């Protein structure tokens, strides 16, 4: 696999993660390693990957360091120790209407998956990313995590509270990785998919998963060192943190 472009994508059982896999797998020189929390409930991914020789599925709860270490060891053997792009897509978004003072349990769930899990996964993948040609860390964030978007009194401040806080935390993790690893040629960015027709986004959203992922991959493929640490919308425009 060492001569191929290798992506590792988390949260690939459905939605945006599954769409990332479908579009990346269409590129003959690309290998996609799909990280799922459990092999149960992955029928769509399993069906899609059944006749693909460039799609591989591995299992890990990314919020647990032991599970991540095991799966990263597996990925290391599969890829000869080199990965080009990590897409941290796994996320939860529960109780969207609940204000922050009422969502203690949901808050912890959001932090563990959306922030801690992505950090655990990234830290474990750093040695392989360092050996890769591209060294890209893509954290799938959201406009909901923008402080500028959540002005006092605006509608977003009264909804998606735990999700918004977790994505703001993920954005800070992006900035820290950019600062710590940029000097070694890494490019770490937060990338917003926009409002998408997924289970979380709902049918009223203006973007299909196909359109959103297609646009995001254009951003990923065109990243420059100058964009290290940026918060970027799916259409390539920058978002205020």
Protein backbone atom coordinates (compact mmCIF):
# COMPACT_ATOMS: atom_id res chain seq x y z
CA UNK A 1 0.00 0.00 0.00
CA UNK A 2 2.98 2.32 0.42
CA UNK A 3 2.60 3.75 -3.11
CA UNK A 4 -1.10 4.51 -2.67
CA UNK A 5 -2.86 7.53 -1.15
CA UNK A 6 -4.13 6.29 2.20
CA UNK A 7 -7.06 7.80 4.11
CA UNK A 8 -8.29 6.81 7.57
CA UNK A 9 -11.86 7.94 8.21
CA UNK A 10 -13.74 7.54 11.50
CA UNK A 11 -17.51 7.28 11.89
CA UNK A 12 -18.16 5.61 8.55
CA UNK A 13 -21.21 3.44 9.18
CA UNK A 14 -23.64 6.03 7.78
CA UNK A 15 -24.14 9.65 6.82
CA UNK A 16 -21.17 11.81 5.91
CA UNK A 17 -18.65 9.16 6.91
CA UNK A 18 -20.17 6.60 4.56
CA UNK A 19 -20.28 9.19 1.78
CA UNK A 20 -16.58 9.97 2.32
CA UNK A 21 -15.85 6.27 1.84
CA UNK A 22 -17.93 6.04 -1.34
CA UNK A 23 -16.30 9.03 -2.99
CA UNK A 24 -12.75 8.22 -1.92
CA UNK A 25 -13.11 4.59 -3.00
CA UNK A 26 -13.94 5.73 -6.53
CA UNK A 27 -10.33 6.89 -6.90
CA UNK A 28 -8.30 3.84 -8.04
CA UNK A 29 -5.05 4.93 -6.38
CA UNK A 30 -6.70 5.61 -3.02
CA UNK A 31 -7.10 3.23 -0.10
CA UNK A 32 -9.75 3.96 2.53
CA UNK A 33 -9.60 2.50 6.02
CA UNK A 34 -12.99 2.84 7.70
CA UNK A 35 -13.11 3.02 11.49
CA UNK A 36 -16.48 2.06 12.98
CA UNK A 37 -17.47 1.91 16.62
CA UNK A 38 -18.96 -1.54 16.20
CA UNK A 39 -19.31 -3.91 13.28
CA UNK A 40 -23.00 -4.19 14.11
CA UNK A 41 -25.30 -1.83 12.21
CA UNK A 42 -22.82 -1.33 9.38
CA UNK A 43 -24.87 -3.05 6.69
CA UNK A 44 -24.62 -0.18 4.19
CA UNK A 45 -20.86 0.10 4.57
CA UNK A 46 -20.36 -3.67 4.43
CA UNK A 47 -22.52 -3.95 1.32
CA UNK A 48 -20.67 -1.12 -0.40
CA UNK A 49 -17.21 -2.43 0.45
CA UNK A 50 -17.99 -6.06 -0.40
CA UNK A 51 -16.57 -5.91 -3.93
CA UNK A 52 -13.99 -3.15 -3.30
CA UNK A 53 -10.32 -4.02 -2.98
CA UNK A 54 -9.40 -0.56 -1.70
CA UNK A 55 -11.81 -0.32 1.27
CA UNK A 56 -11.05 -1.90 4.64
CA UNK A 57 -13.20 -1.86 7.78
CA UNK A 58 -11.78 -1.87 11.31
CA UNK A 59 -13.56 -1.65 14.65
CA UNK A 60 -12.78 0.65 17.59
CA UNK A 61 -14.52 2.85 20.12
CA UNK A 62 -12.34 5.91 19.60
CA UNK A 63 -13.08 7.25 23.09
CA UNK A 64 -11.18 4.29 24.60
CA UNK A 65 -7.40 4.42 24.40
CA UNK A 66 -6.94 0.64 24.57
CA UNK A 67 -9.32 0.06 21.66
CA UNK A 68 -7.66 2.80 19.61
CA UNK A 69 -4.19 1.40 20.26
CA UNK A 70 -5.29 -2.02 19.05
CA UNK A 71 -6.90 -0.70 15.88
CA UNK A 72 -3.97 1.60 15.12
CA UNK A 73 -1.60 -1.36 15.40
CA UNK A 74 -3.85 -3.11 12.88
CA UNK A 75 -3.81 -0.10 10.56
CA UNK A 76 -0.02 0.14 10.90
CA UNK A 77 0.36 -3.41 9.59
CA UNK A 78 -2.09 -2.79 6.75
CA UNK A 79 -0.41 0.41 5.53
CA UNK A 80 3.30 -0.31 6.08
CA UNK A 81 3.19 2.36 8.76
CA UNK A 82 2.18 5.27 6.49
CA UNK A 83 -1.08 7.25 6.33
CA UNK A 84 -1.62 10.42 4.31
CA UNK A 85 -4.90 11.83 5.61
CA UNK A 86 -6.86 11.32 8.83
CA UNK A 87 -10.49 12.45 8.76
CA UNK A 88 -11.96 12.63 12.26
CA UNK A 89 -15.62 12.40 11.36
CA UNK A 90 -17.09 10.35 14.24
CA UNK A 91 -19.49 12.47 16.29
CA UNK A 92 -22.70 12.47 18.28
CA UNK A 93 -25.43 15.12 18.41
CA UNK A 94 -28.18 14.23 20.87
CA UNK A 95 -30.77 16.38 22.66
CA UNK A 96 -30.40 19.33 20.23
CA UNK A 97 -33.15 21.36 21.88
CA UNK A 98 -31.86 20.97 25.44
CA UNK A 99 -30.16 24.06 26.94
CA UNK A 100 -26.70 23.61 28.42
CA UNK A 101 -27.81 23.71 32.07
CA UNK A 102 -30.02 20.66 31.44
CA UNK A 103 -27.63 18.41 29.53
CA UNK A 104 -24.96 17.18 31.97
CA UNK A 105 -24.96 13.56 30.77
CA UNK A 106 -25.30 14.53 27.11
CA UNK A 107 -22.48 17.03 27.59
CA UNK A 108 -20.10 14.30 28.75
CA UNK A 109 -21.15 12.02 25.89
CA UNK A 110 -20.47 14.80 23.38
CA UNK A 111 -17.09 15.64 24.84
CA UNK A 112 -15.91 12.03 24.93
CA UNK A 113 -16.82 11.30 21.32
CA UNK A 114 -16.49 14.66 19.58
CA UNK A 115 -13.36 15.94 21.33
CA UNK A 116 -11.59 13.32 23.44
CA UNK A 117 -12.10 10.55 20.89
CA UNK A 118 -10.73 12.64 18.04
CA UNK A 119 -7.69 13.61 20.13
CA UNK A 120 -7.03 9.99 21.15
CA UNK A 121 -7.29 8.88 17.53
CA UNK A 122 -5.09 11.68 16.23
CA UNK A 123 -2.39 11.14 18.85
CA UNK A 124 -2.27 7.43 18.05
CA UNK A 125 -2.09 8.12 14.31
CA UNK A 126 0.65 10.79 14.44
CA UNK A 127 3.59 8.40 13.84
CA UNK A 128 1.93 7.04 10.68
CA UNK A 129 0.89 10.51 9.50
CA UNK A 130 4.43 11.72 10.00
CA UNK A 131 5.63 9.04 7.57
CA UNK A 132 2.91 9.87 5.03
CA UNK A 133 3.39 12.23 2.12
CA UNK A 134 0.54 14.63 2.92
CA UNK A 135 0.37 14.76 6.74
CA UNK A 136 -3.19 16.09 6.85
CA UNK A 137 -5.47 16.09 9.90
CA UNK A 138 -9.09 16.92 9.04
CA UNK A 139 -11.43 17.49 11.98
CA UNK A 140 -15.04 17.54 10.84
CA UNK A 141 -16.49 20.41 12.84
CA UNK A 142 -19.58 22.59 12.46
CA UNK A 143 -20.56 26.23 12.22
CA UNK A 144 -22.31 25.53 15.53
CA UNK A 145 -18.84 25.47 17.10
CA UNK A 146 -18.02 29.01 15.98
CA UNK A 147 -17.98 31.59 18.77
CA UNK A 148 -18.74 34.28 16.19
CA UNK A 149 -21.83 32.37 15.02
CA UNK A 150 -23.14 31.95 18.57
CA UNK A 151 -23.70 35.59 19.46
CA UNK A 152 -25.67 36.19 22.69
CA UNK A 153 -29.37 36.14 21.96
CA UNK A 154 -29.04 34.41 18.61
CA UNK A 155 -30.96 31.21 17.90
CA UNK A 156 -27.90 28.91 17.92
CA UNK A 157 -27.12 29.87 21.54
CA UNK A 158 -30.40 28.30 22.67
CA UNK A 159 -30.01 24.98 20.85
CA UNK A 160 -27.40 22.33 20.10
CA UNK A 161 -25.66 23.38 23.31
CA UNK A 162 -23.58 20.29 24.07
CA UNK A 163 -22.79 19.77 20.39
CA UNK A 164 -21.70 23.40 19.97
CA UNK A 165 -19.40 23.31 23.00
CA UNK A 166 -17.83 20.05 21.84
CA UNK A 167 -17.17 21.37 18.34
CA UNK A 168 -15.62 24.54 19.76
CA UNK A 169 -13.33 22.24 21.76
CA UNK A 170 -12.48 20.28 18.63
CA UNK A 171 -11.62 23.54 16.88
CA UNK A 172 -9.15 24.37 19.64
CA UNK A 173 -7.61 20.91 19.27
CA UNK A 174 -7.15 21.69 15.57
CA UNK A 175 -5.31 24.90 16.43
CA UNK A 176 -3.07 23.11 18.92
CA UNK A 177 -2.11 20.39 16.42
CA UNK A 178 -1.48 23.05 13.80
CA UNK A 179 0.83 24.92 16.17
CA UNK A 180 2.66 21.84 17.44
CA UNK A 181 3.07 19.96 14.16
CA UNK A 182 3.01 22.59 11.41
CA UNK A 183 6.78 22.89 11.52
CA UNK A 184 7.00 19.24 10.43
CA UNK A 185 4.85 19.81 7.37
CA UNK A 186 1.48 18.88 8.90
CA UNK A 187 -1.69 20.68 7.84
CA UNK A 188 -4.47 20.46 10.44
CA UNK A 189 -7.84 22.08 9.75
CA UNK A 190 -11.38 22.11 11.05
CA UNK A 191 -13.86 21.57 8.23
CA UNK A 192 -17.57 22.29 8.38
CA UNK A 193 -19.84 20.17 6.16
CA UNK A 194 -22.64 22.74 6.18
CA UNK A 195 -26.24 21.84 6.94
CA UNK A 196 -26.64 18.38 5.43
CA UNK A 197 -29.51 15.93 4.92
CA UNK A 198 -28.30 13.31 7.39
CA UNK A 199 -30.04 11.69 10.34
CA UNK A 200 -28.79 14.57 12.47
CA UNK A 201 -29.32 17.35 9.92
CA UNK A 202 -32.83 16.33 8.90
CA UNK A 203 -34.64 16.45 5.57
CA UNK A 204 -34.98 20.25 5.54
CA UNK A 205 -31.22 20.73 5.12
CA UNK A 206 -30.20 22.26 1.77
CA UNK A 207 -27.21 19.98 1.12
CA UNK A 208 -27.14 16.29 0.26
CA UNK A 209 -24.32 14.18 1.69
CA UNK A 210 -23.02 13.73 -1.86
CA UNK A 211 -22.78 17.47 -2.47
CA UNK A 212 -21.27 18.24 0.93
CA UNK A 213 -18.60 15.55 0.79
CA UNK A 214 -17.71 16.30 -2.82
CA UNK A 215 -17.12 19.95 -1.86
CA UNK A 216 -15.18 19.02 1.29
CA UNK A 217 -12.87 16.69 -0.63
CA UNK A 218 -12.06 19.54 -3.02
CA UNK A 219 -11.00 21.53 0.04
CA UNK A 220 -8.96 18.62 1.43
CA UNK A 221 -7.22 17.99 -1.87
CA UNK A 222 -6.37 21.66 -2.30
CA UNK A 223 -5.06 22.42 1.18
CA UNK A 224 -1.90 24.50 1.40
CA UNK A 225 0.55 25.01 4.29
CA UNK A 226 -0.83 28.54 4.68
CA UNK A 227 -4.20 27.05 5.69
CA UNK A 228 -2.73 25.11 8.61
CA UNK A 229 -4.94 25.77 11.64
CA UNK A 230 -7.85 27.22 9.63
CA UNK A 231 -11.58 26.70 10.17
CA UNK A 232 -12.98 26.15 6.67
CA UNK A 233 -16.51 25.82 5.35
CA UNK A 234 -17.37 23.06 2.88
CA UNK A 235 -17.33 25.63 0.05
CA UNK A 236 -13.76 26.65 0.79
CA UNK A 237 -14.49 29.94 2.58
CA UNK A 238 -12.98 30.47 6.01
CA UNK A 239 -15.15 30.61 9.14
CA UNK A 240 -14.42 32.85 12.11
CA UNK A 241 -13.55 30.84 15.19
